[in-house]
Amino acid sequence: MTTKVFTGGRIRQAEYDSASRQLDLHWENGSVLAYKHVPEEVFRRLCSAPNPATYWEDRIAEEYPKGTPRSGGKPSGGGKTLGDLFGDE
C-alpha cells in the first residue's frame, strides 16, 4: 500500500492499494472516504495535483464507486483528538 501525506488543504492523507485498486482519502475533519477500481495513474495525479481536493472533486468523486475504508474514521499518523487531549467526559 502506498501512502501520501498532504501538509495543507482538506485532504490530509491518501492511501492506495494497487492490488485491490482502492483509494482511501483521509480528510481534515477525520472522515475517510474510500473509492474502488481507481487506476494507479489517477492516484499519482492526485498526489501531484496543486490542489488535491479540487482534483478529487473533478476526477474521482463522481467517477468511481464508493467502498469501505480500510481504516477507521481517523487518519493514521498520530493525530490527537480533543478526547485524547482532554479526556472523554
PDB file of N, CA and C in Angstrom:
ATOM      1  N   MET A   1       0.850  -1.173   0.000  1.00  0.00           N
ATOM      2  CA  MET A   1       0.000   0.000   0.000  1.00  0.00           C
ATOM      3  C   MET A   1       0.898   1.240   0.000  1.00  0.00           C
ATOM      4  N   THR A   2       0.528   2.208  -0.794  1.00  0.00           N
ATOM      5  CA  THR A   2       1.272   3.454  -0.908  1.00  0.00           C
ATOM      6  C   THR A   2       0.499   4.553  -0.191  1.00  0.00           C
ATOM      7  N   THR A   3       1.219   5.364   0.579  1.00  0.00           N
ATOM      8  CA  THR A   3       0.596   6.444   1.344  1.00  0.00           C
ATOM      9  C   THR A   3       1.236   7.770   0.986  1.00  0.00           C
ATOM     10  N   LYS A   4       0.399   8.769   0.797  1.00  0.00           N
ATOM     11  CA  LYS A   4       0.856  10.136   0.544  1.00  0.00           C
ATOM     12  C   LYS A   4       0.219  11.034   1.606  1.00  0.00           C
ATOM     13  N   VAL A   5       1.056  11.787   2.330  1.00  0.00           N
ATOM     14  CA  VAL A   5       0.579  12.723   3.345  1.00  0.00           C
ATOM     15  C   VAL A   5       0.630  14.128   2.757  1.00  0.00           C
ATOM     16  N   PHE A   6      -0.462  14.858   2.900  1.00  0.00           N
ATOM     17  CA  PHE A   6      -0.539  16.236   2.426  1.00  0.00           C
ATOM     18  C   PHE A   6      -0.428  17.169   3.628  1.00  0.00           C
ATOM     19  N   THR A   7       0.346  18.228   3.492  1.00  0.00           N
ATOM     20  CA  THR A   7       0.574  19.129   4.624  1.00  0.00           C
ATOM     21  C   THR A   7      -0.470  20.231   4.734  1.00  0.00           C
ATOM     22  N   GLY A   8      -1.202  20.490   3.688  1.00  0.00           N
ATOM     23  CA  GLY A   8      -2.232  21.528   3.735  1.00  0.00           C
ATOM     24  C   GLY A   8      -3.435  21.106   2.920  1.00  0.00           C
ATOM     25  N   GLY A   9      -4.497  21.848   3.029  1.00  0.00           N
ATOM     26  CA  GLY A   9      -5.705  21.533   2.276  1.00  0.00           C
ATOM     27  C   GLY A   9      -6.643  20.627   3.046  1.00  0.00           C
ATOM     28  N   ARG A  10      -7.742  20.271   2.416  1.00  0.00           N
ATOM     29  CA  ARG A  10      -8.767  19.472   3.085  1.00  0.00           C
ATOM     30  C   ARG A  10      -8.411  17.997   3.169  1.00  0.00           C
ATOM     31  N   ILE A  11      -7.689  17.480   2.188  1.00  0.00           N
ATOM     32  CA  ILE A  11      -7.259  16.085   2.231  1.00  0.00           C
ATOM     33  C   ILE A  11      -5.943  16.028   2.994  1.00  0.00           C
ATOM     34  N   ARG A  12      -5.896  15.201   4.022  1.00  0.00           N
ATOM     35  CA  ARG A  12      -4.690  15.083   4.845  1.00  0.00           C
ATOM     36  C   ARG A  12      -3.813  13.907   4.443  1.00  0.00           C
ATOM     37  N   GLN A  13      -4.446  12.830   3.924  1.00  0.00           N
ATOM     38  CA  GLN A  13      -3.678  11.641   3.575  1.00  0.00           C
ATOM     39  C   GLN A  13      -4.437  10.838   2.525  1.00  0.00           C
ATOM     40  N   ALA A  14      -3.688  10.227   1.625  1.00  0.00           N
ATOM     41  CA  ALA A  14      -4.260   9.326   0.627  1.00  0.00           C
ATOM     42  C   ALA A  14      -3.526   7.999   0.715  1.00  0.00           C
ATOM     43  N   GLU A  15      -4.281   6.918   0.769  1.00  0.00           N
ATOM     44  CA  GLU A  15      -3.707   5.574   0.789  1.00  0.00           C
ATOM     45  C   GLU A  15      -4.220   4.834  -0.441  1.00  0.00           C
ATOM     46  N   TYR A  16      -3.299   4.196  -1.156  1.00  0.00           N
ATOM     47  CA  TYR A  16      -3.684   3.473  -2.377  1.00  0.00           C
ATOM     48  C   TYR A  16      -3.157   2.050  -2.315  1.00  0.00           C
ATOM     49  N   ASP A  17      -4.039   1.101  -2.540  1.00  0.00           N
ATOM     50  CA  ASP A  17      -3.670  -0.308  -2.610  1.00  0.00           C
ATOM     51  C   ASP A  17      -3.747  -0.736  -4.071  1.00  0.00           C
ATOM     52  N   SER A  18      -2.590  -0.977  -4.675  1.00  0.00           N
ATOM     53  CA  SER A  18      -2.561  -1.305  -6.103  1.00  0.00           C
ATOM     54  C   SER A  18      -3.153  -2.684  -6.381  1.00  0.00           C
ATOM     55  N   ALA A  19      -3.118  -3.596  -5.418  1.00  0.00           N
ATOM     56  CA  ALA A  19      -3.677  -4.930  -5.638  1.00  0.00           C
ATOM     57  C   ALA A  19      -5.201  -4.874  -5.784  1.00  0.00           C
ATOM     58  N   SER A  20      -5.859  -4.122  -4.908  1.00  0.00           N
ATOM     59  CA  SER A  20      -7.323  -4.023  -4.966  1.00  0.00           C
ATOM     60  C   SER A  20      -7.792  -2.784  -5.716  1.00  0.00           C
ATOM     61  N   ARG A  21      -6.841  -1.881  -6.028  1.00  0.00           N
ATOM     62  CA  ARG A  21      -7.131  -0.604  -6.693  1.00  0.00           C
ATOM     63  C   ARG A  21      -8.100   0.254  -5.871  1.00  0.00           C
ATOM     64  N   GLN A  22      -7.918   0.218  -4.551  1.00  0.00           N
ATOM     65  CA  GLN A  22      -8.754   1.029  -3.665  1.00  0.00           C
ATOM     66  C   GLN A  22      -7.976   2.245  -3.193  1.00  0.00           C
ATOM     67  N   LEU A  23      -8.664   3.387  -3.191  1.00  0.00           N
ATOM     68  CA  LEU A  23      -8.107   4.647  -2.734  1.00  0.00           C
ATOM     69  C   LEU A  23      -8.880   5.093  -1.504  1.00  0.00           C
ATOM     70  N   ASP A  24      -8.167   5.285  -0.386  1.00  0.00           N
ATOM     71  CA  ASP A  24      -8.765   5.812   0.838  1.00  0.00           C
ATOM     72  C   ASP A  24      -8.261   7.229   1.038  1.00  0.00           C
ATOM     73  N   LEU A  25      -9.191   8.171   1.205  1.00  0.00           N
ATOM     74  CA  LEU A  25      -8.846   9.578   1.419  1.00  0.00           C
ATOM     75  C   LEU A  25      -9.229   9.978   2.827  1.00  0.00           C
ATOM     76  N   HIS A  26      -8.248  10.462   3.581  1.00  0.00           N
ATOM     77  CA  HIS A  26      -8.447  10.920   4.959  1.00  0.00           C
ATOM     78  C   HIS A  26      -8.564  12.440   4.925  1.00  0.00           C
ATOM     79  N   TRP A  27      -9.658  12.954   5.482  1.00  0.00           N
ATOM     80  CA  TRP A  27      -9.968  14.377   5.420  1.00  0.00           C
ATOM     81  C   TRP A  27      -9.645  15.080   6.718  1.00  0.00           C
ATOM     82  N   GLU A  28      -9.535  16.405   6.662  1.00  0.00           N
ATOM     83  CA  GLU A  28      -9.174  17.206   7.826  1.00  0.00           C
ATOM     84  C   GLU A  28     -10.180  17.071   8.969  1.00  0.00           C
ATOM     85  N   ASN A  29     -11.432  16.734   8.679  1.00  0.00           N
ATOM     86  CA  ASN A  29     -12.443  16.585   9.723  1.00  0.00           C
ATOM     87  C   ASN A  29     -12.450  15.192  10.337  1.00  0.00           C
ATOM     88  N   GLY A  30     -11.538  14.333   9.921  1.00  0.00           N
ATOM     89  CA  GLY A  30     -11.419  12.994  10.485  1.00  0.00           C
ATOM     90  C   GLY A  30     -12.155  11.921   9.704  1.00  0.00           C
ATOM     91  N   SER A  31     -12.935  12.288   8.709  1.00  0.00           N
ATOM     92  CA  SER A  31     -13.661  11.287   7.926  1.00  0.00           C
ATOM     93  C   SER A  31     -12.723  10.628   6.913  1.00  0.00           C
ATOM     94  N   VAL A  32     -13.112   9.436   6.482  1.00  0.00           N
ATOM     95  CA  VAL A  32     -12.357   8.694   5.478  1.00  0.00           C
ATOM     96  C   VAL A  32     -13.330   8.259   4.397  1.00  0.00           C
ATOM     97  N   LEU A  33     -13.018   8.575   3.153  1.00  0.00           N
ATOM     98  CA  LEU A  33     -13.811   8.137   2.010  1.00  0.00           C
ATOM     99  C   LEU A  33     -12.982   7.145   1.211  1.00  0.00           C
ATOM    100  N   ALA A  34     -13.620   6.062   0.782  1.00  0.00           N
ATOM    101  CA  ALA A  34     -12.926   5.036   0.008  1.00  0.00           C
ATOM    102  C   ALA A  34     -13.560   4.924  -1.371  1.00  0.00           C
ATOM    103  N   TYR A  35     -12.719   4.687  -2.365  1.00  0.00           N
ATOM    104  CA  TYR A  35     -13.173   4.527  -3.746  1.00  0.00           C
ATOM    105  C   TYR A  35     -12.538   3.272  -4.327  1.00  0.00           C
ATOM    106  N   LYS A  36     -13.348   2.496  -5.055  1.00  0.00           N
ATOM    107  CA  LYS A  36     -12.899   1.241  -5.655  1.00  0.00           C
ATOM    108  C   LYS A  36     -12.606   1.430  -7.136  1.00  0.00           C
ATOM    109  N   HIS A  37     -11.780   0.525  -7.662  1.00  0.00           N
ATOM    110  CA  HIS A  37     -11.462   0.455  -9.104  1.00  0.00           C
ATOM    111  C   HIS A  37     -10.755   1.720  -9.611  1.00  0.00           C
ATOM    112  N   VAL A  38      -9.940   2.337  -8.766  1.00  0.00           N
ATOM    113  CA  VAL A  38      -9.221   3.561  -9.137  1.00  0.00           C
ATOM    114  C   VAL A  38      -7.888   3.171  -9.781  1.00  0.00           C
ATOM    115  N   PRO A  39      -7.635   3.598 -11.006  1.00  0.00           N
ATOM    116  CA  PRO A  39      -6.342   3.303 -11.637  1.00  0.00           C
ATOM    117  C   PRO A  39      -5.180   3.976 -10.891  1.00  0.00           C
ATOM    118  N   GLU A  40      -4.028   3.343 -10.934  1.00  0.00           N
ATOM    119  CA  GLU A  40      -2.853   3.879 -10.249  1.00  0.00           C
ATOM    120  C   GLU A  40      -2.476   5.262 -10.774  1.00  0.00           C
ATOM    121  N   GLU A  41      -2.693   5.495 -12.055  1.00  0.00           N
ATOM    122  CA  GLU A  41      -2.382   6.810 -12.644  1.00  0.00           C
ATOM    123  C   GLU A  41      -3.222   7.916 -12.004  1.00  0.00           C
ATOM    124  N   VAL A  42      -4.462   7.619 -11.668  1.00  0.00           N
ATOM    125  CA  VAL A  42      -5.323   8.612 -11.006  1.00  0.00           C
ATOM    126  C   VAL A  42      -4.753   8.945  -9.622  1.00  0.00           C
ATOM    127  N   PHE A  43      -4.290   7.923  -8.902  1.00  0.00           N
ATOM    128  CA  PHE A  43      -3.652   8.171  -7.602  1.00  0.00           C
ATOM    129  C   PHE A  43      -2.403   9.030  -7.767  1.00  0.00           C
ATOM    130  N   ARG A  44      -1.575   8.731  -8.753  1.00  0.00           N
ATOM    131  CA  ARG A  44      -0.354   9.527  -8.979  1.00  0.00           C
ATOM    132  C   ARG A  44      -0.698  10.986  -9.292  1.00  0.00           C
ATOM    133  N   ARG A  45      -1.717  11.193 -10.107  1.00  0.00           N
ATOM    134  CA  ARG A  45      -2.113  12.562 -10.450  1.00  0.00           C
ATOM    135  C   ARG A  45      -2.686  13.302  -9.245  1.00  0.00           C
ATOM    136  N   LEU A  46      -3.442  12.589  -8.409  1.00  0.00           N
ATOM    137  CA  LEU A  46      -3.941  13.193  -7.173  1.00  0.00           C
ATOM    138  C   LEU A  46      -2.775  13.671  -6.305  1.00  0.00           C
ATOM    139  N   CYS A  47      -1.773  12.837  -6.171  1.00  0.00           N
ATOM    140  CA  CYS A  47      -0.615  13.160  -5.325  1.00  0.00           C
ATOM    141  C   CYS A  47       0.194  14.339  -5.853  1.00  0.00           C
ATOM    142  N   SER A  48       0.180  14.547  -7.148  1.00  0.00           N
ATOM    143  CA  SER A  48       0.971  15.647  -7.723  1.00  0.00           C
ATOM    144  C   SER A  48       0.124  16.874  -8.060  1.00  0.00           C
ATOM    145  N   ALA A  49      -1.165  16.822  -7.788  1.00  0.00           N
ATOM    146  CA  ALA A  49      -2.053  17.948  -8.111  1.00  0.00           C
ATOM    147  C   ALA A  49      -1.757  19.150  -7.218  1.00  0.00           C
ATOM    148  N   PRO A  50      -1.828  20.377  -7.759  1.00  0.00           N
ATOM    149  CA  PRO A  50      -1.615  21.578  -6.942  1.00  0.00           C
ATOM    150  C   PRO A  50      -2.662  21.701  -5.833  1.00  0.00           C
ATOM    151  N   ASN A  51      -3.884  21.245  -6.117  1.00  0.00           N
ATOM    152  CA  ASN A  51      -4.947  21.249  -5.112  1.00  0.00           C
ATOM    153  C   ASN A  51      -5.627  19.876  -5.155  1.00  0.00           C
ATOM    154  N   PRO A  52      -5.191  18.932  -4.293  1.00  0.00           N
ATOM    155  CA  PRO A  52      -5.740  17.578  -4.336  1.00  0.00           C
ATOM    156  C   PRO A  52      -7.259  17.512  -4.147  1.00  0.00           C
ATOM    157  N   ALA A  53      -7.832  18.380  -3.315  1.00  0.00           N
ATOM    158  CA  ALA A  53      -9.285  18.354  -3.098  1.00  0.00           C
ATOM    159  C   ALA A  53     -10.040  18.714  -4.381  1.00  0.00           C
ATOM    160  N   THR A  54      -9.515  19.657  -5.138  1.00  0.00           N
ATOM    161  CA  THR A  54     -10.134  20.022  -6.412  1.00  0.00           C
ATOM    162  C   THR A  54     -10.010  18.879  -7.410  1.00  0.00           C
ATOM    163  N   TYR A  55      -8.854  18.234  -7.451  1.00  0.00           N
ATOM    164  CA  TYR A  55      -8.678  17.080  -8.325  1.00  0.00           C
ATOM    165  C   TYR A  55      -9.671  15.982  -7.952  1.00  0.00           C
ATOM    166  N   TRP A  56      -9.842  15.742  -6.642  1.00  0.00           N
ATOM    167  CA  TRP A  56     -10.820  14.757  -6.181  1.00  0.00           C
ATOM    168  C   TRP A  56     -12.222  15.105  -6.682  1.00  0.00           C
ATOM    169  N   GLU A  57     -12.619  16.368  -6.529  1.00  0.00           N
ATOM    170  CA  GLU A  57     -13.953  16.796  -6.963  1.00  0.00           C
ATOM    171  C   GLU A  57     -14.138  16.588  -8.470  1.00  0.00           C
ATOM    172  N   ASP A  58     -13.115  16.932  -9.248  1.00  0.00           N
ATOM    173  CA  ASP A  58     -13.209  16.892 -10.706  1.00  0.00           C
ATOM    174  C   ASP A  58     -13.049  15.493 -11.300  1.00  0.00           C
ATOM    175  N   ARG A  59     -12.208  14.651 -10.687  1.00  0.00           N
ATOM    176  CA  ARG A  59     -11.809  13.403 -11.340  1.00  0.00           C
ATOM    177  C   ARG A  59     -12.122  12.121 -10.581  1.00  0.00           C
ATOM    178  N   ILE A  60     -12.497  12.206  -9.310  1.00  0.00           N
ATOM    179  CA  ILE A  60     -12.666  10.982  -8.535  1.00  0.00           C
ATOM    180  C   ILE A  60     -14.068  10.859  -7.943  1.00  0.00           C
ATOM    181  N   ALA A  61     -14.584  11.902  -7.326  1.00  0.00           N
ATOM    182  CA  ALA A  61     -15.813  11.838  -6.534  1.00  0.00           C
ATOM    183  C   ALA A  61     -16.988  11.191  -7.258  1.00  0.00           C
ATOM    184  N   GLU A  62     -17.213  11.557  -8.491  1.00  0.00           N
ATOM    185  CA  GLU A  62     -18.360  11.042  -9.233  1.00  0.00           C
ATOM    186  C   GLU A  62     -17.999   9.929 -10.219  1.00  0.00           C
ATOM    187  N   GLU A  63     -16.710   9.652 -10.362  1.00  0.00           N
ATOM    188  CA  GLU A  63     -16.260   8.701 -11.381  1.00  0.00           C
ATOM    189  C   GLU A  63     -16.134   7.263 -10.884  1.00  0.00           C
ATOM    190  N   TYR A  64     -15.853   7.075  -9.608  1.00  0.00           N
ATOM    191  CA  TYR A  64     -15.548   5.749  -9.082  1.00  0.00           C
ATOM    192  C   TYR A  64     -16.512   5.386  -7.967  1.00  0.00           C
ATOM    193  N   PRO A  65     -16.860   4.084  -7.870  1.00  0.00           N
ATOM    194  CA  PRO A  65     -17.801   3.668  -6.821  1.00  0.00           C
ATOM    195  C   PRO A  65     -17.165   3.766  -5.432  1.00  0.00           C
ATOM    196  N   LYS A  66     -17.998   4.115  -4.459  1.00  0.00           N
ATOM    197  CA  LYS A  66     -17.509   4.202  -3.083  1.00  0.00           C
ATOM    198  C   LYS A  66     -17.335   2.807  -2.502  1.00  0.00           C
ATOM    199  N   GLY A  67     -16.380   2.703  -1.599  1.00  0.00           N
ATOM    200  CA  GLY A  67     -16.101   1.440  -0.932  1.00  0.00           C
ATOM    201  C   GLY A  67     -16.074   1.630   0.569  1.00  0.00           C
ATOM    202  N   THR A  68     -15.592   0.610   1.261  1.00  0.00           N
ATOM    203  CA  THR A  68     -15.449   0.652   2.711  1.00  0.00           C
ATOM    204  C   THR A  68     -13.997   0.968   3.035  1.00  0.00           C
ATOM    205  N   PRO A  69     -13.748   2.014   3.834  1.00  0.00           N
ATOM    206  CA  PRO A  69     -12.367   2.352   4.180  1.00  0.00           C
ATOM    207  C   PRO A  69     -11.677   1.210   4.914  1.00  0.00           C
ATOM    208  N   ARG A  70     -10.399   1.057   4.666  1.00  0.00           N
ATOM    209  CA  ARG A  70      -9.612   0.018   5.324  1.00  0.00           C
ATOM    210  C   ARG A  70      -9.390   0.337   6.794  1.00  0.00           C
ATOM    211  N   SER A  71      -9.237   1.621   7.109  1.00  0.00           N
ATOM    212  CA  SER A  71      -9.018   2.027   8.493  1.00  0.00           C
ATOM    213  C   SER A  71     -10.277   2.687   9.013  1.00  0.00           C
ATOM    214  N   GLY A  72     -10.271   3.037  10.288  1.00  0.00           N
ATOM    215  CA  GLY A  72     -11.428   3.695  10.890  1.00  0.00           C
ATOM    216  C   GLY A  72     -11.576   5.107  10.378  1.00  0.00           C
ATOM    217  N   GLY A  73     -12.336   5.923  11.077  1.00  0.00           N
ATOM    218  CA  GLY A  73     -12.617   7.281  10.650  1.00  0.00           C
ATOM    219  C   GLY A  73     -11.536   8.277  10.969  1.00  0.00           C
ATOM    220  N   LYS A  74     -10.444   7.842  11.585  1.00  0.00           N
ATOM    221  CA  LYS A  74      -9.378   8.782  11.925  1.00  0.00           C
ATOM    222  C   LYS A  74      -8.198   8.558  11.001  1.00  0.00           C
ATOM    223  N   PRO A  75      -7.563   9.641  10.535  1.00  0.00           N
ATOM    224  CA  PRO A  75      -6.373   9.458   9.720  1.00  0.00           C
ATOM    225  C   PRO A  75      -5.241   8.863  10.549  1.00  0.00           C
ATOM    226  N   SER A  76      -4.496   7.943   9.948  1.00  0.00           N
ATOM    227  CA  SER A  76      -3.335   7.443  10.664  1.00  0.00           C
ATOM    228  C   SER A  76      -2.253   8.502  10.626  1.00  0.00           C
ATOM    229  N   GLY A  77      -1.347   8.463  11.559  1.00  0.00           N
ATOM    230  CA  GLY A  77      -0.309   9.465  11.606  1.00  0.00           C
ATOM    231  C   GLY A  77      -0.201  10.089  12.976  1.00  0.00           C
ATOM    232  N   GLY A  78      -0.954   9.566  13.945  1.00  0.00           N
ATOM    233  CA  GLY A  78      -0.772  10.016  15.314  1.00  0.00           C
ATOM    234  C   GLY A  78      -1.466  11.299  15.669  1.00  0.00           C
ATOM    235  N   GLY A  79      -2.402  11.766  14.875  1.00  0.00           N
ATOM    236  CA  GLY A  79      -3.102  12.993  15.208  1.00  0.00           C
ATOM    237  C   GLY A  79      -3.933  12.837  16.463  1.00  0.00           C
ATOM    238  N   LYS A  80      -3.918  13.809  17.314  1.00  0.00           N
ATOM    239  CA  LYS A  80      -4.659  13.780  18.573  1.00  0.00           C
ATOM    240  C   LYS A  80      -6.046  14.378  18.384  1.00  0.00           C
ATOM    241  N   THR A  81      -7.005  13.804  19.066  1.00  0.00           N
ATOM    242  CA  THR A  81      -8.343  14.371  19.086  1.00  0.00           C
ATOM    243  C   THR A  81      -8.511  15.143  20.389  1.00  0.00           C
ATOM    244  N   LEU A  82      -9.579  15.904  20.501  1.00  0.00           N
ATOM    245  CA  LEU A  82      -9.840  16.603  21.757  1.00  0.00           C
ATOM    246  C   LEU A  82     -10.034  15.618  22.899  1.00  0.00           C
ATOM    247  N   GLY A  83     -10.647  14.470  22.614  1.00  0.00           N
ATOM    248  CA  GLY A  83     -10.808  13.446  23.628  1.00  0.00           C
ATOM    249  C   GLY A  83      -9.481  12.905  24.101  1.00  0.00           C
ATOM    250  N   ASP A  84      -8.526  12.762  23.187  1.00  0.00           N
ATOM    251  CA  ASP A  84      -7.187  12.311  23.568  1.00  0.00           C
ATOM    252  C   ASP A  84      -6.500  13.331  24.466  1.00  0.00           C
ATOM    253  N   LEU A  85      -6.705  14.597  24.189  1.00  0.00           N
ATOM    254  CA  LEU A  85      -6.037  15.663  24.936  1.00  0.00           C
ATOM    255  C   LEU A  85      -6.681  15.958  26.277  1.00  0.00           C
ATOM    256  N   PHE A  86      -8.024  15.965  26.307  1.00  0.00           N
ATOM    257  CA  PHE A  86      -8.720  16.414  27.500  1.00  0.00           C
ATOM    258  C   PHE A  86      -9.545  15.321  28.173  1.00  0.00           C
ATOM    259  N   GLY A  87      -9.563  14.140  27.600  1.00  0.00           N
ATOM    260  CA  GLY A  87     -10.360  13.056  28.172  1.00  0.00           C
ATOM    261  C   GLY A  87     -11.788  13.114  27.676  1.00  0.00           C
ATOM    262  N   ASP A  88     -12.405  11.969  27.571  1.00  0.00           N
ATOM    263  CA  ASP A  88     -13.802  11.910  27.137  1.00  0.00           C
ATOM    264  C   ASP A  88     -14.704  11.989  28.356  1.00  0.00           C
ATOM    265  N   GLU A  89     -15.349  13.121  28.522  1.00  0.00           N
ATOM    266  CA  GLU A  89     -16.246  13.286  29.670  1.00  0.00           C
ATOM    267  C   GLU A  89     -17.623  13.646  29.227  1.00  0.00           C
TER     268      GLU A  89
END
